[in-house]
Amino acid sequence: MRYAASQRAFTLIELLTVVAIVGVLAAIAIPQFMLYRQHAFDGLAQGDLRNAVTAEEAYFSANGTYISCTSAADCQSKLHGYTKSDTGVRLAINATTTKFVGTAQHVQGSGGVWKFESEGGRFIFEE
């Protein structure tokens, strides 16, 4: 079969070069995307902990004591005003009468744990 002089095509070398460039870009972009995704899940865990802390403080204002809960579902049933956002968040609050420590971690996050101590009043991310 004869081709007209006006018909052109890519050579094998050109195609392999493009495939190699796309492969290098994917090798760089995919791990970065996964890191962004993990940070988003960590942020979701922090948001759940913030909501639980707010509900815990409201409970203390009404009852004069803090209350413990062992999971997000447990916190949702004990702390009125708290609604869990995602099934992947592990949330726990260890409380005494006058103080509490809350922790939250997402199963698809980076592996770090958000922690809040009522005495210090600040959120800390422990990796």
N, C-alpha and C. Protein backbone atom coordinates (compact mmCIF):
# COMPACT_ATOMS: atom_id res chain seq x y z
N MET A 1 0.84 -1.16 0.00
CA MET A 1 0.00 0.00 0.00
C MET A 1 0.90 1.23 0.00
N ARG A 2 0.55 2.16 -0.81
CA ARG A 2 1.35 3.37 -0.92
C ARG A 2 0.62 4.51 -0.22
N TYR A 3 1.37 5.34 0.45
CA TYR A 3 0.82 6.50 1.15
C TYR A 3 1.14 7.75 0.36
N ALA A 4 0.21 8.66 0.43
CA ALA A 4 0.44 9.94 -0.22
C ALA A 4 1.47 10.72 0.59
N ALA A 5 2.14 11.62 -0.04
CA ALA A 5 3.19 12.40 0.62
C ALA A 5 2.63 13.27 1.74
N SER A 6 1.34 13.59 1.69
CA SER A 6 0.76 14.46 2.71
C SER A 6 0.40 13.71 3.99
N GLN A 7 0.37 12.37 3.98
CA GLN A 7 0.04 11.61 5.18
C GLN A 7 1.27 11.48 6.06
N ARG A 8 1.07 11.82 7.33
CA ARG A 8 2.18 11.74 8.27
C ARG A 8 1.71 10.99 9.51
N ALA A 9 2.64 10.43 10.24
CA ALA A 9 2.32 9.69 11.47
C ALA A 9 3.45 9.89 12.47
N PHE A 10 3.18 9.52 13.70
CA PHE A 10 4.20 9.58 14.73
C PHE A 10 5.10 8.36 14.62
N THR A 11 6.35 8.56 14.89
CA THR A 11 7.27 7.42 14.89
C THR A 11 7.17 6.70 16.22
N LEU A 12 7.68 5.50 16.27
CA LEU A 12 7.67 4.71 17.49
C LEU A 12 8.45 5.42 18.60
N ILE A 13 9.55 6.03 18.26
CA ILE A 13 10.37 6.75 19.24
C ILE A 13 9.57 7.90 19.86
N GLU A 14 8.84 8.64 19.05
CA GLU A 14 8.04 9.74 19.56
C GLU A 14 6.96 9.25 20.51
N LEU A 15 6.30 8.17 20.14
CA LEU A 15 5.26 7.61 21.00
C LEU A 15 5.83 7.11 22.32
N LEU A 16 6.97 6.43 22.28
CA LEU A 16 7.60 5.94 23.50
C LEU A 16 8.05 7.09 24.40
N THR A 17 8.51 8.17 23.79
CA THR A 17 8.91 9.35 24.57
C THR A 17 7.72 9.94 25.31
N VAL A 18 6.60 10.06 24.64
CA VAL A 18 5.39 10.59 25.27
C VAL A 18 4.93 9.68 26.40
N VAL A 19 4.95 8.38 26.18
CA VAL A 19 4.55 7.42 27.22
C VAL A 19 5.49 7.54 28.43
N ALA A 20 6.77 7.69 28.19
CA ALA A 20 7.73 7.83 29.29
C ALA A 20 7.48 9.11 30.08
N ILE A 21 7.19 10.20 29.39
CA ILE A 21 6.92 11.47 30.07
C ILE A 21 5.65 11.36 30.92
N VAL A 22 4.61 10.77 30.37
CA VAL A 22 3.37 10.58 31.12
C VAL A 22 3.62 9.69 32.34
N GLY A 23 4.43 8.66 32.19
CA GLY A 23 4.77 7.78 33.31
C GLY A 23 5.50 8.50 34.42
N VAL A 24 6.44 9.35 34.06
CA VAL A 24 7.18 10.13 35.07
C VAL A 24 6.24 11.09 35.79
N LEU A 25 5.37 11.77 35.06
CA LEU A 25 4.42 12.68 35.69
C LEU A 25 3.47 11.94 36.63
N ALA A 26 3.02 10.77 36.23
CA ALA A 26 2.14 9.97 37.09
C ALA A 26 2.88 9.50 38.34
N ALA A 27 4.14 9.14 38.20
CA ALA A 27 4.93 8.70 39.35
C ALA A 27 5.10 9.82 40.37
N ILE A 28 5.10 11.04 39.91
CA ILE A 28 5.22 12.19 40.82
C ILE A 28 3.85 12.57 41.39
N ALA A 29 2.83 12.57 40.57
CA ALA A 29 1.52 13.10 40.97
C ALA A 29 0.74 12.16 41.88
N ILE A 30 0.79 10.86 41.65
CA ILE A 30 -0.03 9.93 42.41
C ILE A 30 0.34 9.92 43.90
N PRO A 31 1.61 9.81 44.27
CA PRO A 31 1.92 9.85 45.72
C PRO A 31 1.52 11.18 46.36
N GLN A 32 1.67 12.28 45.64
CA GLN A 32 1.28 13.58 46.18
C GLN A 32 -0.23 13.64 46.39
N PHE A 33 -0.99 13.08 45.46
CA PHE A 33 -2.44 13.03 45.59
C PHE A 33 -2.84 12.21 46.81
N MET A 34 -2.17 11.08 47.03
CA MET A 34 -2.48 10.24 48.19
C MET A 34 -2.19 10.99 49.49
N LEU A 35 -1.12 11.77 49.51
CA LEU A 35 -0.78 12.56 50.69
C LEU A 35 -1.86 13.60 50.97
N TYR A 36 -2.33 14.28 49.93
CA TYR A 36 -3.41 15.26 50.09
C TYR A 36 -4.67 14.59 50.62
N ARG A 37 -4.94 13.41 50.13
CA ARG A 37 -6.13 12.66 50.55
C ARG A 37 -6.04 12.30 52.03
N GLN A 38 -4.87 11.84 52.48
CA GLN A 38 -4.69 11.50 53.88
C GLN A 38 -4.86 12.74 54.77
N HIS A 39 -4.33 13.87 54.32
CA HIS A 39 -4.49 15.11 55.10
C HIS A 39 -5.96 15.52 55.19
N ALA A 40 -6.72 15.27 54.14
CA ALA A 40 -8.15 15.58 54.18
C ALA A 40 -8.87 14.70 55.20
N PHE A 41 -8.52 13.42 55.25
CA PHE A 41 -9.12 12.53 56.24
C PHE A 41 -8.71 12.93 57.66
N ASP A 42 -7.46 13.35 57.84
CA ASP A 42 -7.02 13.84 59.15
C ASP A 42 -7.83 15.07 59.56
N GLY A 43 -8.11 15.94 58.60
CA GLY A 43 -8.93 17.12 58.87
C GLY A 43 -10.35 16.76 59.26
N LEU A 44 -10.88 15.71 58.65
CA LEU A 44 -12.21 15.23 59.00
C LEU A 44 -12.24 14.74 60.45
N ALA A 45 -11.20 14.03 60.85
CA ALA A 45 -11.11 13.56 62.24
C ALA A 45 -11.02 14.75 63.20
N GLN A 46 -10.26 15.77 62.83
CA GLN A 46 -10.15 16.96 63.68
C GLN A 46 -11.51 17.65 63.80
N GLY A 47 -12.23 17.73 62.71
CA GLY A 47 -13.56 18.34 62.75
C GLY A 47 -14.51 17.60 63.67
N ASP A 48 -14.48 16.27 63.61
CA ASP A 48 -15.31 15.48 64.51
C ASP A 48 -14.92 15.71 65.97
N LEU A 49 -13.62 15.78 66.23
CA LEU A 49 -13.17 16.02 67.61
C LEU A 49 -13.60 17.41 68.08
N ARG A 50 -13.50 18.40 67.21
CA ARG A 50 -13.94 19.76 67.58
C ARG A 50 -15.43 19.76 67.95
N ASN A 51 -16.23 19.08 67.16
CA ASN A 51 -17.66 19.01 67.44
C ASN A 51 -17.93 18.30 68.76
N ALA A 52 -17.19 17.22 69.02
CA ALA A 52 -17.36 16.49 70.28
C ALA A 52 -16.94 17.34 71.47
N VAL A 53 -15.86 18.10 71.31
CA VAL A 53 -15.40 18.99 72.40
C VAL A 53 -16.46 20.04 72.71
N THR A 54 -17.05 20.61 71.68
CA THR A 54 -18.12 21.60 71.89
C THR A 54 -19.30 20.98 72.62
N ALA A 55 -19.70 19.77 72.20
CA ALA A 55 -20.81 19.08 72.86
C ALA A 55 -20.44 18.70 74.30
N GLU A 56 -19.20 18.31 74.52
CA GLU A 56 -18.73 17.96 75.87
C GLU A 56 -18.79 19.18 76.79
N GLU A 57 -18.37 20.32 76.30
CA GLU A 57 -18.43 21.55 77.10
C GLU A 57 -19.88 21.95 77.40
N ALA A 58 -20.77 21.75 76.43
CA ALA A 58 -22.19 22.04 76.66
C ALA A 58 -22.76 21.08 77.71
N TYR A 59 -22.35 19.82 77.65
CA TYR A 59 -22.78 18.83 78.65
C TYR A 59 -22.30 19.25 80.04
N PHE A 60 -21.05 19.71 80.12
CA PHE A 60 -20.50 20.15 81.41
C PHE A 60 -21.26 21.36 81.95
N SER A 61 -21.61 22.28 81.08
CA SER A 61 -22.37 23.46 81.51
C SER A 61 -23.73 23.08 82.08
N ALA A 62 -24.34 22.07 81.50
CA ALA A 62 -25.68 21.65 81.94
C ALA A 62 -25.64 20.74 83.16
N ASN A 63 -24.59 19.91 83.30
CA ASN A 63 -24.58 18.87 84.33
C ASN A 63 -23.48 19.02 85.38
N GLY A 64 -22.53 19.90 85.16
CA GLY A 64 -21.46 20.09 86.13
C GLY A 64 -20.41 19.00 86.15
N THR A 65 -20.41 18.15 85.16
CA THR A 65 -19.42 17.07 85.06
C THR A 65 -19.22 16.72 83.59
N TYR A 66 -18.08 16.13 83.29
CA TYR A 66 -17.83 15.65 81.93
C TYR A 66 -18.24 14.19 81.84
N ILE A 67 -18.40 13.69 80.63
CA ILE A 67 -18.81 12.31 80.43
C ILE A 67 -17.87 11.63 79.44
N SER A 68 -17.56 10.36 79.67
CA SER A 68 -16.69 9.60 78.77
C SER A 68 -17.51 8.91 77.69
N CYS A 69 -16.88 8.69 76.55
CA CYS A 69 -17.48 7.87 75.50
C CYS A 69 -16.36 7.16 74.75
N THR A 70 -16.65 5.97 74.26
CA THR A 70 -15.60 5.13 73.70
C THR A 70 -15.57 5.09 72.18
N SER A 71 -16.59 5.63 71.53
CA SER A 71 -16.63 5.63 70.06
C SER A 71 -17.46 6.82 69.60
N ALA A 72 -17.43 7.07 68.31
CA ALA A 72 -18.21 8.18 67.76
C ALA A 72 -19.70 7.94 67.96
N ALA A 73 -20.13 6.70 67.78
CA ALA A 73 -21.55 6.38 67.98
C ALA A 73 -21.94 6.54 69.44
N ASP A 74 -21.05 6.13 70.35
CA ASP A 74 -21.29 6.28 71.78
C ASP A 74 -21.37 7.76 72.15
N CYS A 75 -20.47 8.57 71.60
CA CYS A 75 -20.49 10.02 71.86
C CYS A 75 -21.78 10.64 71.32
N GLN A 76 -22.22 10.16 70.17
CA GLN A 76 -23.43 10.71 69.57
C GLN A 76 -24.65 10.42 70.45
N SER A 77 -24.68 9.25 71.09
CA SER A 77 -25.82 8.92 71.94
C SER A 77 -25.76 9.63 73.29
N LYS A 78 -24.56 9.91 73.80
CA LYS A 78 -24.42 10.53 75.12
C LYS A 78 -24.36 12.05 75.08
N LEU A 79 -23.78 12.60 74.03
CA LEU A 79 -23.58 14.05 73.94
C LEU A 79 -24.57 14.64 72.95
N HIS A 80 -25.58 15.30 73.48
CA HIS A 80 -26.58 15.93 72.61
C HIS A 80 -25.92 17.10 71.89
N GLY A 81 -26.15 17.19 70.62
CA GLY A 81 -25.53 18.23 69.82
C GLY A 81 -24.34 17.74 69.02
N TYR A 82 -23.86 16.54 69.33
CA TYR A 82 -22.75 15.97 68.55
C TYR A 82 -23.31 15.01 67.52
N THR A 83 -22.88 15.17 66.28
CA THR A 83 -23.25 14.26 65.20
C THR A 83 -21.98 13.80 64.52
N LYS A 84 -21.78 12.49 64.45
CA LYS A 84 -20.58 11.97 63.80
C LYS A 84 -20.69 12.21 62.30
N SER A 85 -19.56 12.50 61.68
CA SER A 85 -19.58 12.86 60.26
C SER A 85 -19.25 11.70 59.34
N ASP A 86 -18.51 10.72 59.81
CA ASP A 86 -18.01 9.68 58.92
C ASP A 86 -17.78 8.42 59.73
N THR A 87 -18.00 7.28 59.09
CA THR A 87 -17.80 6.02 59.81
C THR A 87 -16.34 5.68 59.99
N GLY A 88 -15.45 6.34 59.29
CA GLY A 88 -14.03 6.03 59.39
C GLY A 88 -13.31 6.73 60.54
N VAL A 89 -14.02 7.56 61.31
CA VAL A 89 -13.38 8.30 62.39
C VAL A 89 -13.50 7.50 63.69
N ARG A 90 -12.34 7.27 64.31
CA ARG A 90 -12.30 6.65 65.64
C ARG A 90 -12.20 7.78 66.66
N LEU A 91 -13.19 7.90 67.49
CA LEU A 91 -13.27 8.99 68.45
C LEU A 91 -13.46 8.42 69.85
N ALA A 92 -12.76 8.97 70.81
CA ALA A 92 -12.93 8.55 72.20
C ALA A 92 -12.69 9.75 73.11
N ILE A 93 -13.45 9.79 74.19
CA ILE A 93 -13.26 10.83 75.20
C ILE A 93 -13.14 10.15 76.55
N ASN A 94 -12.03 10.41 77.21
CA ASN A 94 -11.78 9.90 78.55
C ASN A 94 -11.96 11.06 79.51
N ALA A 95 -12.97 10.96 80.38
CA ALA A 95 -13.33 12.10 81.21
C ALA A 95 -13.33 11.76 82.70
N THR A 96 -13.00 12.77 83.48
CA THR A 96 -13.22 12.74 84.93
C THR A 96 -14.27 13.80 85.22
N THR A 97 -14.49 14.08 86.48
CA THR A 97 -15.49 15.07 86.83
C THR A 97 -15.12 16.47 86.35
N THR A 98 -13.82 16.78 86.37
CA THR A 98 -13.40 18.16 86.11
C THR A 98 -12.58 18.37 84.84
N LYS A 99 -12.22 17.30 84.15
CA LYS A 99 -11.43 17.46 82.92
C LYS A 99 -11.66 16.27 81.99
N PHE A 100 -11.22 16.43 80.75
CA PHE A 100 -11.33 15.33 79.79
C PHE A 100 -10.23 15.42 78.75
N VAL A 101 -9.97 14.28 78.12
CA VAL A 101 -9.03 14.18 77.00
C VAL A 101 -9.78 13.48 75.87
N GLY A 102 -9.82 14.12 74.72
CA GLY A 102 -10.47 13.54 73.55
C GLY A 102 -9.45 13.21 72.48
N THR A 103 -9.64 12.09 71.79
CA THR A 103 -8.76 11.70 70.69
C THR A 103 -9.61 11.32 69.48
N ALA A 104 -9.06 11.57 68.30
CA ALA A 104 -9.75 11.22 67.06
C ALA A 104 -8.72 10.85 66.01
N GLN A 105 -9.05 9.82 65.25
CA GLN A 105 -8.18 9.35 64.17
C GLN A 105 -9.06 8.78 63.07
N HIS A 106 -8.70 9.06 61.83
CA HIS A 106 -9.42 8.49 60.70
C HIS A 106 -8.66 7.27 60.19
N VAL A 107 -9.39 6.21 59.87
CA VAL A 107 -8.75 4.96 59.45
C VAL A 107 -8.00 5.11 58.13
N GLN A 108 -8.39 6.07 57.30
CA GLN A 108 -7.71 6.29 56.02
C GLN A 108 -6.78 7.50 56.07
N GLY A 109 -6.56 8.04 57.24
CA GLY A 109 -5.68 9.19 57.40
C GLY A 109 -4.22 8.78 57.39
N SER A 110 -3.38 9.67 57.85
CA SER A 110 -1.93 9.45 57.82
C SER A 110 -1.44 8.55 58.96
N GLY A 111 -2.32 8.20 59.87
CA GLY A 111 -1.92 7.39 61.02
C GLY A 111 -1.77 8.21 62.27
N GLY A 112 -1.79 9.52 62.14
CA GLY A 112 -1.67 10.41 63.29
C GLY A 112 -2.99 10.51 64.05
N VAL A 113 -2.90 11.01 65.27
CA VAL A 113 -4.06 11.13 66.14
C VAL A 113 -4.22 12.58 66.59
N TRP A 114 -5.43 13.11 66.44
CA TRP A 114 -5.74 14.43 67.00
C TRP A 114 -6.08 14.26 68.47
N LYS A 115 -5.57 15.13 69.29
CA LYS A 115 -5.77 15.05 70.74
C LYS A 115 -6.17 16.43 71.27
N PHE A 116 -7.13 16.43 72.19
CA PHE A 116 -7.54 17.66 72.86
C PHE A 116 -7.60 17.40 74.35
N GLU A 117 -6.92 18.23 75.12
CA GLU A 117 -6.97 18.17 76.58
C GLU A 117 -7.70 19.41 77.07
N SER A 118 -8.73 19.20 77.88
CA SER A 118 -9.54 20.34 78.32
C SER A 118 -8.75 21.30 79.19
N GLU A 119 -7.75 20.81 79.89
CA GLU A 119 -6.95 21.71 80.73
C GLU A 119 -6.09 22.65 79.89
N GLY A 120 -5.52 22.15 78.82
CA GLY A 120 -4.70 22.99 77.94
C GLY A 120 -5.52 23.77 76.94
N GLY A 121 -6.65 23.21 76.54
CA GLY A 121 -7.56 23.89 75.64
C GLY A 121 -7.07 24.04 74.21
N ARG A 122 -6.21 23.12 73.76
CA ARG A 122 -5.74 23.23 72.37
C ARG A 122 -5.67 21.85 71.73
N PHE A 123 -5.74 21.86 70.41
CA PHE A 123 -5.67 20.63 69.63
C PHE A 123 -4.22 20.35 69.25
N ILE A 124 -3.82 19.09 69.38
CA ILE A 124 -2.46 18.68 69.04
C ILE A 124 -2.56 17.48 68.11
N PHE A 125 -1.76 17.50 67.04
CA PHE A 125 -1.71 16.35 66.13
C PHE A 125 -0.46 15.56 66.43
N GLU A 126 -0.63 14.33 66.87
CA GLU A 126 0.50 13.46 67.20
C GLU A 126 0.66 12.42 66.11
N GLU A 127 1.82 12.42 65.48
CA GLU A 127 2.07 11.46 64.40
C GLU A 127 2.70 10.20 64.93
